Amino acid sequence: PAPSERAPSEPTQPEPQPHPVSVAALIETEFTGGRL
């Protein structure tokens, strides 16, 4: 197969979840505000 068609040599690792008490977790929050 062409290089682009070859399977990766190692499986792609999922991104680690941010610590729930962190600004990274704030960034990933799905904000649901409304009903003013």
PDB file of all heavy atoms in Angstrom:
ATOM      1  N   PRO A   1       0.833  -1.207   0.000  1.00  0.00           N
ATOM      2  CA  PRO A   1       0.000   0.000   0.000  1.00  0.00           C
ATOM      3  C   PRO A   1       0.862   1.249   0.000  1.00  0.00           C
ATOM      4  O   PRO A   1       2.009   1.237   0.446  1.00  0.00           O
ATOM      5  CB  PRO A   1      -0.795  -0.136   1.309  1.00  0.00           C
ATOM      6  CG  PRO A   1       0.074  -0.995   2.183  1.00  0.00           C
ATOM      7  CD  PRO A   1       0.739  -1.950   1.247  1.00  0.00           C
ATOM      8  N   ALA A   2       0.268   2.329  -0.526  1.00  0.00           N
ATOM      9  CA  ALA A   2       0.947   3.616  -0.468  1.00  0.00           C
ATOM     10  C   ALA A   2       1.085   4.040   0.986  1.00  0.00           C
ATOM     11  O   ALA A   2       0.319   3.607   1.841  1.00  0.00           O
ATOM     12  CB  ALA A   2       0.134   4.659  -1.245  1.00  0.00           C
ATOM     13  N   PRO A   3       2.061   4.921   1.299  1.00  0.00           N
ATOM     14  CA  PRO A   3       2.258   5.315   2.696  1.00  0.00           C
ATOM     15  C   PRO A   3       0.995   5.830   3.356  1.00  0.00           C
ATOM     16  O   PRO A   3       0.754   5.583   4.523  1.00  0.00           O
ATOM     17  CB  PRO A   3       3.340   6.406   2.602  1.00  0.00           C
ATOM     18  CG  PRO A   3       4.104   6.065   1.359  1.00  0.00           C
ATOM     19  CD  PRO A   3       3.091   5.475   0.411  1.00  0.00           C
ATOM     20  N   SER A   4       0.155   6.584   2.620  1.00  0.00           N
ATOM     21  CA  SER A   4      -1.065   7.134   3.212  1.00  0.00           C
ATOM     22  C   SER A   4      -2.098   6.070   3.514  1.00  0.00           C
ATOM     23  O   SER A   4      -3.034   6.300   4.260  1.00  0.00           O
ATOM     24  CB  SER A   4      -1.666   8.188   2.277  1.00  0.00           C
ATOM     25  OG  SER A   4      -2.016   7.585   1.042  1.00  0.00           O
ATOM     26  N   GLU A   5      -1.959   4.871   2.887  1.00  0.00           N
ATOM     27  CA  GLU A   5      -2.931   3.812   3.075  1.00  0.00           C
ATOM     28  C   GLU A   5      -2.523   2.824   4.158  1.00  0.00           C
ATOM     29  O   GLU A   5      -3.295   1.964   4.543  1.00  0.00           O
ATOM     30  CB  GLU A   5      -3.127   3.054   1.766  1.00  0.00           C
ATOM     31  CG  GLU A   5      -3.660   3.927   0.642  1.00  0.00           C
ATOM     32  CD  GLU A   5      -3.681   3.188  -0.687  1.00  0.00           C
ATOM     33  OE1 GLU A   5      -2.995   2.151  -0.801  1.00  0.00           O
ATOM     34  OE2 GLU A   5      -4.383   3.651  -1.582  1.00  0.00           O
ATOM     35  N   ARG A   6      -1.291   2.940   4.639  1.00  0.00           N
ATOM     36  CA  ARG A   6      -0.808   1.981   5.607  1.00  0.00           C
ATOM     37  C   ARG A   6      -1.424   2.250   6.975  1.00  0.00           C
ATOM     38  O   ARG A   6      -1.650   3.388   7.362  1.00  0.00           O
ATOM     39  CB  ARG A   6       0.712   2.056   5.717  1.00  0.00           C
ATOM     40  CG  ARG A   6       1.426   1.589   4.452  1.00  0.00           C
ATOM     41  CD  ARG A   6       2.909   1.829   4.545  1.00  0.00           C
ATOM     42  NE  ARG A   6       3.569   1.489   3.293  1.00  0.00           N
ATOM     43  CZ  ARG A   6       4.785   1.923   2.972  1.00  0.00           C
ATOM     44  NH1 ARG A   6       5.443   2.713   3.791  1.00  0.00           N
ATOM     45  NH2 ARG A   6       5.321   1.570   1.811  1.00  0.00           N
ATOM     46  N   ALA A   7      -1.664   1.204   7.699  1.00  0.00           N
ATOM     47  CA  ALA A   7      -2.162   1.347   9.066  1.00  0.00           C
ATOM     48  C   ALA A   7      -1.069   1.937   9.934  1.00  0.00           C
ATOM     49  O   ALA A   7       0.114   1.676   9.718  1.00  0.00           O
ATOM     50  CB  ALA A   7      -2.597  -0.011   9.618  1.00  0.00           C
ATOM     51  N   PRO A   8      -1.403   2.794  10.903  1.00  0.00           N
ATOM     52  CA  PRO A   8      -0.363   3.344  11.783  1.00  0.00           C
ATOM     53  C   PRO A   8       0.341   2.232  12.547  1.00  0.00           C
ATOM     54  O   PRO A   8      -0.246   1.202  12.862  1.00  0.00           O
ATOM     55  CB  PRO A   8      -1.157   4.265  12.735  1.00  0.00           C
ATOM     56  CG  PRO A   8      -2.564   3.772  12.666  1.00  0.00           C
ATOM     57  CD  PRO A   8      -2.741   3.217  11.272  1.00  0.00           C
ATOM     58  N   SER A   9       1.609   2.475  12.819  1.00  0.00           N
ATOM     59  CA  SER A   9       2.387   1.448  13.499  1.00  0.00           C
ATOM     60  C   SER A   9       1.892   1.227  14.915  1.00  0.00           C
ATOM     61  O   SER A   9       2.031   0.149  15.469  1.00  0.00           O
ATOM     62  CB  SER A   9       3.875   1.841  13.521  1.00  0.00           C
ATOM     63  OG  SER A   9       4.021   3.098  14.150  1.00  0.00           O
ATOM     64  N   GLU A  10       1.304   2.313  15.550  1.00  0.00           N
ATOM     65  CA  GLU A  10       0.755   2.190  16.891  1.00  0.00           C
ATOM     66  C   GLU A  10      -0.644   2.791  16.898  1.00  0.00           C
ATOM     67  O   GLU A  10      -0.907   3.767  16.192  1.00  0.00           O
ATOM     68  CB  GLU A  10       1.631   2.927  17.909  1.00  0.00           C
ATOM     69  CG  GLU A  10       3.024   2.338  18.048  1.00  0.00           C
ATOM     70  CD  GLU A  10       3.820   3.072  19.100  1.00  0.00           C
ATOM     71  OE1 GLU A  10       3.271   4.017  19.700  1.00  0.00           O
ATOM     72  OE2 GLU A  10       4.987   2.703  19.309  1.00  0.00           O
ATOM     73  N   PRO A  11      -1.554   2.250  17.683  1.00  0.00           N
ATOM     74  CA  PRO A  11      -2.901   2.825  17.739  1.00  0.00           C
ATOM     75  C   PRO A  11      -2.866   4.234  18.307  1.00  0.00           C
ATOM     76  O   PRO A  11      -2.062   4.550  19.177  1.00  0.00           O
ATOM     77  CB  PRO A  11      -3.661   1.867  18.667  1.00  0.00           C
ATOM     78  CG  PRO A  11      -2.590   1.203  19.479  1.00  0.00           C
ATOM     79  CD  PRO A  11      -1.408   1.098  18.567  1.00  0.00           C
ATOM     80  N   THR A  12      -3.729   5.128  17.793  1.00  0.00           N
ATOM     81  CA  THR A  12      -3.805   6.498  18.278  1.00  0.00           C
ATOM     82  C   THR A  12      -4.369   6.503  19.690  1.00  0.00           C
ATOM     83  O   THR A  12      -5.426   5.937  19.948  1.00  0.00           O
ATOM     84  CB  THR A  12      -4.703   7.340  17.361  1.00  0.00           C
ATOM     85  OG1 THR A  12      -4.174   7.304  16.037  1.00  0.00           O
ATOM     86  CG2 THR A  12      -4.779   8.778  17.848  1.00  0.00           C
ATOM     87  N   GLN A  13      -3.653   7.150  20.607  1.00  0.00           N
ATOM     88  CA  GLN A  13      -4.094   7.193  21.996  1.00  0.00           C
ATOM     89  C   GLN A  13      -5.111   8.316  22.177  1.00  0.00           C
ATOM     90  O   GLN A  13      -4.919   9.419  21.662  1.00  0.00           O
ATOM     91  CB  GLN A  13      -2.901   7.433  22.924  1.00  0.00           C
ATOM     92  CG  GLN A  13      -1.873   6.319  22.904  1.00  0.00           C
ATOM     93  CD  GLN A  13      -2.441   4.999  23.401  1.00  0.00           C
ATOM     94  OE1 GLN A  13      -3.215   4.981  24.354  1.00  0.00           O
ATOM     95  NE2 GLN A  13      -2.088   3.911  22.753  1.00  0.00           N
ATOM     96  N   PRO A  14      -6.211   8.088  22.906  1.00  0.00           N
ATOM     97  CA  PRO A  14      -7.183   9.157  23.137  1.00  0.00           C
ATOM     98  C   PRO A  14      -6.569  10.255  23.994  1.00  0.00           C
ATOM     99  O   PRO A  14      -5.687  10.007  24.807  1.00  0.00           O
ATOM    100  CB  PRO A  14      -8.317   8.438  23.884  1.00  0.00           C
ATOM    101  CG  PRO A  14      -7.665   7.252  24.520  1.00  0.00           C
ATOM    102  CD  PRO A  14      -6.575   6.826  23.566  1.00  0.00           C
ATOM    103  N   GLU A  15      -7.043  11.497  23.780  1.00  0.00           N
ATOM    104  CA  GLU A  15      -6.568  12.608  24.571  1.00  0.00           C
ATOM    105  C   GLU A  15      -6.993  12.407  26.029  1.00  0.00           C
ATOM    106  O   GLU A  15      -8.122  12.039  26.305  1.00  0.00           O
ATOM    107  CB  GLU A  15      -7.157  13.924  24.036  1.00  0.00           C
ATOM    108  CG  GLU A  15      -6.605  14.355  22.692  1.00  0.00           C
ATOM    109  CD  GLU A  15      -5.143  14.744  22.783  1.00  0.00           C
ATOM    110  OE1 GLU A  15      -4.725  15.291  23.830  1.00  0.00           O
ATOM    111  OE2 GLU A  15      -4.409  14.485  21.823  1.00  0.00           O
ATOM    112  N   PRO A  16      -6.086  12.644  26.977  1.00  0.00           N
ATOM    113  CA  PRO A  16      -6.473  12.486  28.384  1.00  0.00           C
ATOM    114  C   PRO A  16      -7.519  13.516  28.774  1.00  0.00           C
ATOM    115  O   PRO A  16      -7.498  14.658  28.302  1.00  0.00           O
ATOM    116  CB  PRO A  16      -5.157  12.714  29.136  1.00  0.00           C
ATOM    117  CG  PRO A  16      -4.312  13.520  28.200  1.00  0.00           C
ATOM    118  CD  PRO A  16      -4.689  13.088  26.814  1.00  0.00           C
ATOM    119  N   GLN A  17      -8.444  13.128  29.620  1.00  0.00           N
ATOM    120  CA  GLN A  17      -9.452  14.046  30.108  1.00  0.00           C
ATOM    121  C   GLN A  17      -8.816  15.036  31.076  1.00  0.00           C
ATOM    122  O   GLN A  17      -7.997  14.659  31.908  1.00  0.00           O
ATOM    123  CB  GLN A  17     -10.568  13.272  30.817  1.00  0.00           C
ATOM    124  CG  GLN A  17     -11.404  12.409  29.895  1.00  0.00           C
ATOM    125  CD  GLN A  17     -12.181  13.246  28.890  1.00  0.00           C
ATOM    126  OE1 GLN A  17     -12.807  14.237  29.239  1.00  0.00           O
ATOM    127  NE2 GLN A  17     -12.139  12.843  27.628  1.00  0.00           N
ATOM    128  N   PRO A  18      -9.177  16.318  30.991  1.00  0.00           N
ATOM    129  CA  PRO A  18      -8.601  17.283  31.926  1.00  0.00           C
ATOM    130  C   PRO A  18      -9.108  17.025  33.336  1.00  0.00           C
ATOM    131  O   PRO A  18     -10.188  16.464  33.544  1.00  0.00           O
ATOM    132  CB  PRO A  18      -9.109  18.627  31.396  1.00  0.00           C
ATOM    133  CG  PRO A  18     -10.359  18.304  30.650  1.00  0.00           C
ATOM    134  CD  PRO A  18     -10.116  16.952  30.047  1.00  0.00           C
ATOM    135  N   HIS A  19      -8.322  17.443  34.293  1.00  0.00           N
ATOM    136  CA  HIS A  19      -8.745  17.333  35.690  1.00  0.00           C
ATOM    137  C   HIS A  19     -10.033  18.138  35.853  1.00  0.00           C
ATOM    138  O   HIS A  19     -10.144  19.262  35.343  1.00  0.00           O
ATOM    139  CB  HIS A  19      -7.649  17.875  36.609  1.00  0.00           C
ATOM    140  CG  HIS A  19      -7.853  17.530  38.046  1.00  0.00           C
ATOM    141  ND1 HIS A  19      -8.822  18.127  38.826  1.00  0.00           N
ATOM    142  CD2 HIS A  19      -7.214  16.649  38.853  1.00  0.00           C
ATOM    143  CE1 HIS A  19      -8.780  17.633  40.048  1.00  0.00           C
ATOM    144  NE2 HIS A  19      -7.810  16.730  40.098  1.00  0.00           N
ATOM    145  N   PRO A  20     -11.033  17.612  36.550  1.00  0.00           N
ATOM    146  CA  PRO A  20     -12.299  18.343  36.670  1.00  0.00           C
ATOM    147  C   PRO A  20     -12.159  19.687  37.356  1.00  0.00           C
ATOM    148  O   PRO A  20     -12.991  20.580  37.133  1.00  0.00           O
ATOM    149  CB  PRO A  20     -13.191  17.385  37.475  1.00  0.00           C
ATOM    150  CG  PRO A  20     -12.258  16.411  38.109  1.00  0.00           C
ATOM    151  CD  PRO A  20     -11.092  16.281  37.194  1.00  0.00           C
ATOM    152  N   VAL A  21     -11.143  19.857  38.187  1.00  0.00           N
ATOM    153  CA  VAL A  21     -10.874  21.158  38.798  1.00  0.00           C
ATOM    154  C   VAL A  21      -9.693  21.776  38.066  1.00  0.00           C
ATOM    155  O   VAL A  21      -8.537  21.653  38.474  1.00  0.00           O
ATOM    156  CB  VAL A  21     -10.594  21.020  40.306  1.00  0.00           C
ATOM    157  CG1 VAL A  21     -10.356  22.388  40.937  1.00  0.00           C
ATOM    158  CG2 VAL A  21     -11.754  20.320  40.989  1.00  0.00           C
ATOM    159  N   SER A  22      -9.976  22.409  36.945  1.00  0.00           N
ATOM    160  CA  SER A  22      -8.928  23.002  36.114  1.00  0.00           C
ATOM    161  C   SER A  22      -9.563  23.963  35.130  1.00  0.00           C
ATOM    162  O   SER A  22     -10.754  23.864  34.813  1.00  0.00           O
ATOM    163  CB  SER A  22      -8.146  21.923  35.350  1.00  0.00           C
ATOM    164  OG  SER A  22      -8.965  21.294  34.384  1.00  0.00           O
ATOM    165  N   VAL A  23      -8.752  24.883  34.640  1.00  0.00           N
ATOM    166  CA  VAL A  23      -9.237  25.792  33.601  1.00  0.00           C
ATOM    167  C   VAL A  23      -9.466  25.030  32.304  1.00  0.00           C
ATOM    168  O   VAL A  23     -10.365  25.362  31.521  1.00  0.00           O
ATOM    169  CB  VAL A  23      -8.251  26.957  33.415  1.00  0.00           C
ATOM    170  CG1 VAL A  23      -8.641  27.823  32.218  1.00  0.00           C
ATOM    171  CG2 VAL A  23      -8.202  27.803  34.688  1.00  0.00           C
ATOM    172  N   ALA A  24      -8.687  23.969  32.067  1.00  0.00           N
ATOM    173  CA  ALA A  24      -8.920  23.141  30.879  1.00  0.00           C
ATOM    174  C   ALA A  24     -10.324  22.539  30.907  1.00  0.00           C
ATOM    175  O   ALA A  24     -10.983  22.436  29.874  1.00  0.00           O
ATOM    176  CB  ALA A  24      -7.870  22.042  30.797  1.00  0.00           C
ATOM    177  N   ALA A  25     -10.791  22.135  32.079  1.00  0.00           N
ATOM    178  CA  ALA A  25     -12.154  21.613  32.189  1.00  0.00           C
ATOM    179  C   ALA A  25     -13.180  22.712  31.933  1.00  0.00           C
ATOM    180  O   ALA A  25     -14.227  22.467  31.318  1.00  0.00           O
ATOM    181  CB  ALA A  25     -12.372  20.990  33.567  1.00  0.00           C
ATOM    182  N   LEU A  26     -12.891  23.940  32.381  1.00  0.00           N
ATOM    183  CA  LEU A  26     -13.776  25.063  32.058  1.00  0.00           C
ATOM    184  C   LEU A  26     -13.889  25.238  30.547  1.00  0.00           C
ATOM    185  O   LEU A  26     -14.970  25.464  30.005  1.00  0.00           O
ATOM    186  CB  LEU A  26     -13.231  26.361  32.655  1.00  0.00           C
ATOM    187  CG  LEU A  26     -13.488  26.694  34.121  1.00  0.00           C
ATOM    188  CD1 LEU A  26     -12.920  28.070  34.424  1.00  0.00           C
ATOM    189  CD2 LEU A  26     -14.966  26.657  34.436  1.00  0.00           C
ATOM    190  N   ILE A  27     -12.754  25.147  29.879  1.00  0.00           N
ATOM    191  CA  ILE A  27     -12.721  25.343  28.431  1.00  0.00           C
ATOM    192  C   ILE A  27     -13.583  24.308  27.719  1.00  0.00           C
ATOM    193  O   ILE A  27     -14.247  24.615  26.721  1.00  0.00           O
ATOM    194  CB  ILE A  27     -11.263  25.290  27.929  1.00  0.00           C
ATOM    195  CG1 ILE A  27     -10.494  26.526  28.440  1.00  0.00           C
ATOM    196  CG2 ILE A  27     -11.198  25.197  26.406  1.00  0.00           C
ATOM    197  CD1 ILE A  27      -8.999  26.441  28.243  1.00  0.00           C
ATOM    198  N   GLU A  28     -13.604  23.094  28.228  1.00  0.00           N
ATOM    199  CA  GLU A  28     -14.373  22.027  27.590  1.00  0.00           C
ATOM    200  C   GLU A  28     -15.827  21.983  28.041  1.00  0.00           C
ATOM    201  O   GLU A  28     -16.597  21.152  27.559  1.00  0.00           O
ATOM    202  CB  GLU A  28     -13.706  20.683  27.867  1.00  0.00           C
ATOM    203  CG  GLU A  28     -12.354  20.539  27.185  1.00  0.00           C
ATOM    204  CD  GLU A  28     -11.851  19.120  27.140  1.00  0.00           C
ATOM    205  OE1 GLU A  28     -12.571  18.205  27.608  1.00  0.00           O
ATOM    206  OE2 GLU A  28     -10.735  18.902  26.623  1.00  0.00           O
ATOM    207  N   THR A  29     -16.223  22.868  28.942  1.00  0.00           N
ATOM    208  CA  THR A  29     -17.602  22.880  29.433  1.00  0.00           C
ATOM    209  C   THR A  29     -18.568  23.245  28.306  1.00  0.00           C
ATOM    210  O   THR A  29     -18.309  24.165  27.525  1.00  0.00           O
ATOM    211  CB  THR A  29     -17.746  23.888  30.582  1.00  0.00           C
ATOM    212  OG1 THR A  29     -16.905  23.491  31.664  1.00  0.00           O
ATOM    213  CG2 THR A  29     -19.194  23.959  31.068  1.00  0.00           C
ATOM    214  N   GLU A  30     -19.666  22.540  28.237  1.00  0.00           N
ATOM    215  CA  GLU A  30     -20.747  22.901  27.316  1.00  0.00           C
ATOM    216  C   GLU A  30     -21.714  23.794  28.094  1.00  0.00           C
ATOM    217  O   GLU A  30     -22.529  23.322  28.878  1.00  0.00           O
ATOM    218  CB  GLU A  30     -21.463  21.659  26.798  1.00  0.00           C
ATOM    219  CG  GLU A  30     -22.544  21.973  25.779  1.00  0.00           C
ATOM    220  CD  GLU A  30     -23.216  20.717  25.247  1.00  0.00           C
ATOM    221  OE1 GLU A  30     -22.727  19.616  25.543  1.00  0.00           O
ATOM    222  OE2 GLU A  30     -24.229  20.868  24.538  1.00  0.00           O
ATOM    223  N   PHE A  31     -21.615  25.087  27.890  1.00  0.00           N
ATOM    224  CA  PHE A  31     -22.390  26.032  28.673  1.00  0.00           C
ATOM    225  C   PHE A  31     -23.863  26.007  28.246  1.00  0.00           C
ATOM    226  O   PHE A  31     -24.177  25.975  27.057  1.00  0.00           O
ATOM    227  CB  PHE A  31     -21.808  27.436  28.523  1.00  0.00           C
ATOM    228  CG  PHE A  31     -20.441  27.566  29.126  1.00  0.00           C
ATOM    229  CD1 PHE A  31     -19.305  27.422  28.347  1.00  0.00           C
ATOM    230  CD2 PHE A  31     -20.288  27.787  30.484  1.00  0.00           C
ATOM    231  CE1 PHE A  31     -18.044  27.513  28.910  1.00  0.00           C
ATOM    232  CE2 PHE A  31     -19.031  27.879  31.051  1.00  0.00           C
ATOM    233  CZ  PHE A  31     -17.905  27.747  30.272  1.00  0.00           C
ATOM    234  N   THR A  32     -24.728  26.043  29.248  1.00  0.00           N
ATOM    235  CA  THR A  32     -26.164  25.867  28.991  1.00  0.00           C
ATOM    236  C   THR A  32     -26.984  27.027  29.540  1.00  0.00           C
ATOM    237  O   THR A  32     -28.170  26.870  29.818  1.00  0.00           O
ATOM    238  CB  THR A  32     -26.659  24.554  29.620  1.00  0.00           C
ATOM    239  OG1 THR A  32     -26.444  24.603  31.045  1.00  0.00           O
ATOM    240  CG2 THR A  32     -25.923  23.356  29.035  1.00  0.00           C
ATOM    241  N   GLY A  33     -26.361  28.181  29.732  1.00  0.00           N
ATOM    242  CA  GLY A  33     -27.057  29.311  30.343  1.00  0.00           C
ATOM    243  C   GLY A  33     -28.209  29.826  29.489  1.00  0.00           C
ATOM    244  O   GLY A  33     -28.196  29.727  28.265  1.00  0.00           O
ATOM    245  N   GLY A  34     -29.186  30.385  30.155  1.00  0.00           N
ATOM    246  CA  GLY A  34     -30.333  30.956  29.457  1.00  0.00           C
ATOM    247  C   GLY A  34     -31.450  31.299  30.425  1.00  0.00           C
ATOM    248  O   GLY A  34     -31.250  31.428  31.629  1.00  0.00           O
ATOM    249  N   ARG A  35     -32.637  31.479  29.879  1.00  0.00           N
ATOM    250  CA  ARG A  35     -33.853  31.743  30.649  1.00  0.00           C
ATOM    251  C   ARG A  35     -33.668  32.932  31.595  1.00  0.00           C
ATOM    252  O   ARG A  35     -33.953  32.859  32.788  1.00  0.00           O
ATOM    253  CB  ARG A  35     -34.282  30.500  31.420  1.00  0.00           C
ATOM    254  CG  ARG A  35     -34.767  29.375  30.516  1.00  0.00           C
ATOM    255  CD  ARG A  35     -35.000  28.087  31.269  1.00  0.00           C
ATOM    256  NE  ARG A  35     -35.954  28.258  32.369  1.00  0.00           N
ATOM    257  CZ  ARG A  35     -36.249  27.311  33.263  1.00  0.00           C
ATOM    258  NH1 ARG A  35     -35.648  26.137  33.183  1.00  0.00           N
ATOM    259  NH2 ARG A  35     -37.119  27.536  34.221  1.00  0.00           N
ATOM    260  N   LEU A  36     -33.208  34.043  31.049  1.00  0.00           N
ATOM    261  CA  LEU A  36     -33.082  35.269  31.831  1.00  0.00           C
ATOM    262  C   LEU A  36     -34.473  35.806  32.154  1.00  0.00           C
ATOM    263  O   LEU A  36     -35.270  36.075  31.252  1.00  0.00           O
ATOM    264  CB  LEU A  36     -32.281  36.304  31.042  1.00  0.00           C
ATOM    265  CG  LEU A  36     -32.086  37.675  31.694  1.00  0.00           C
ATOM    266  CD1 LEU A  36     -31.317  37.542  33.005  1.00  0.00           C
ATOM    267  CD2 LEU A  36     -31.347  38.602  30.735  1.00  0.00           C
TER     268      LEU A  36
END
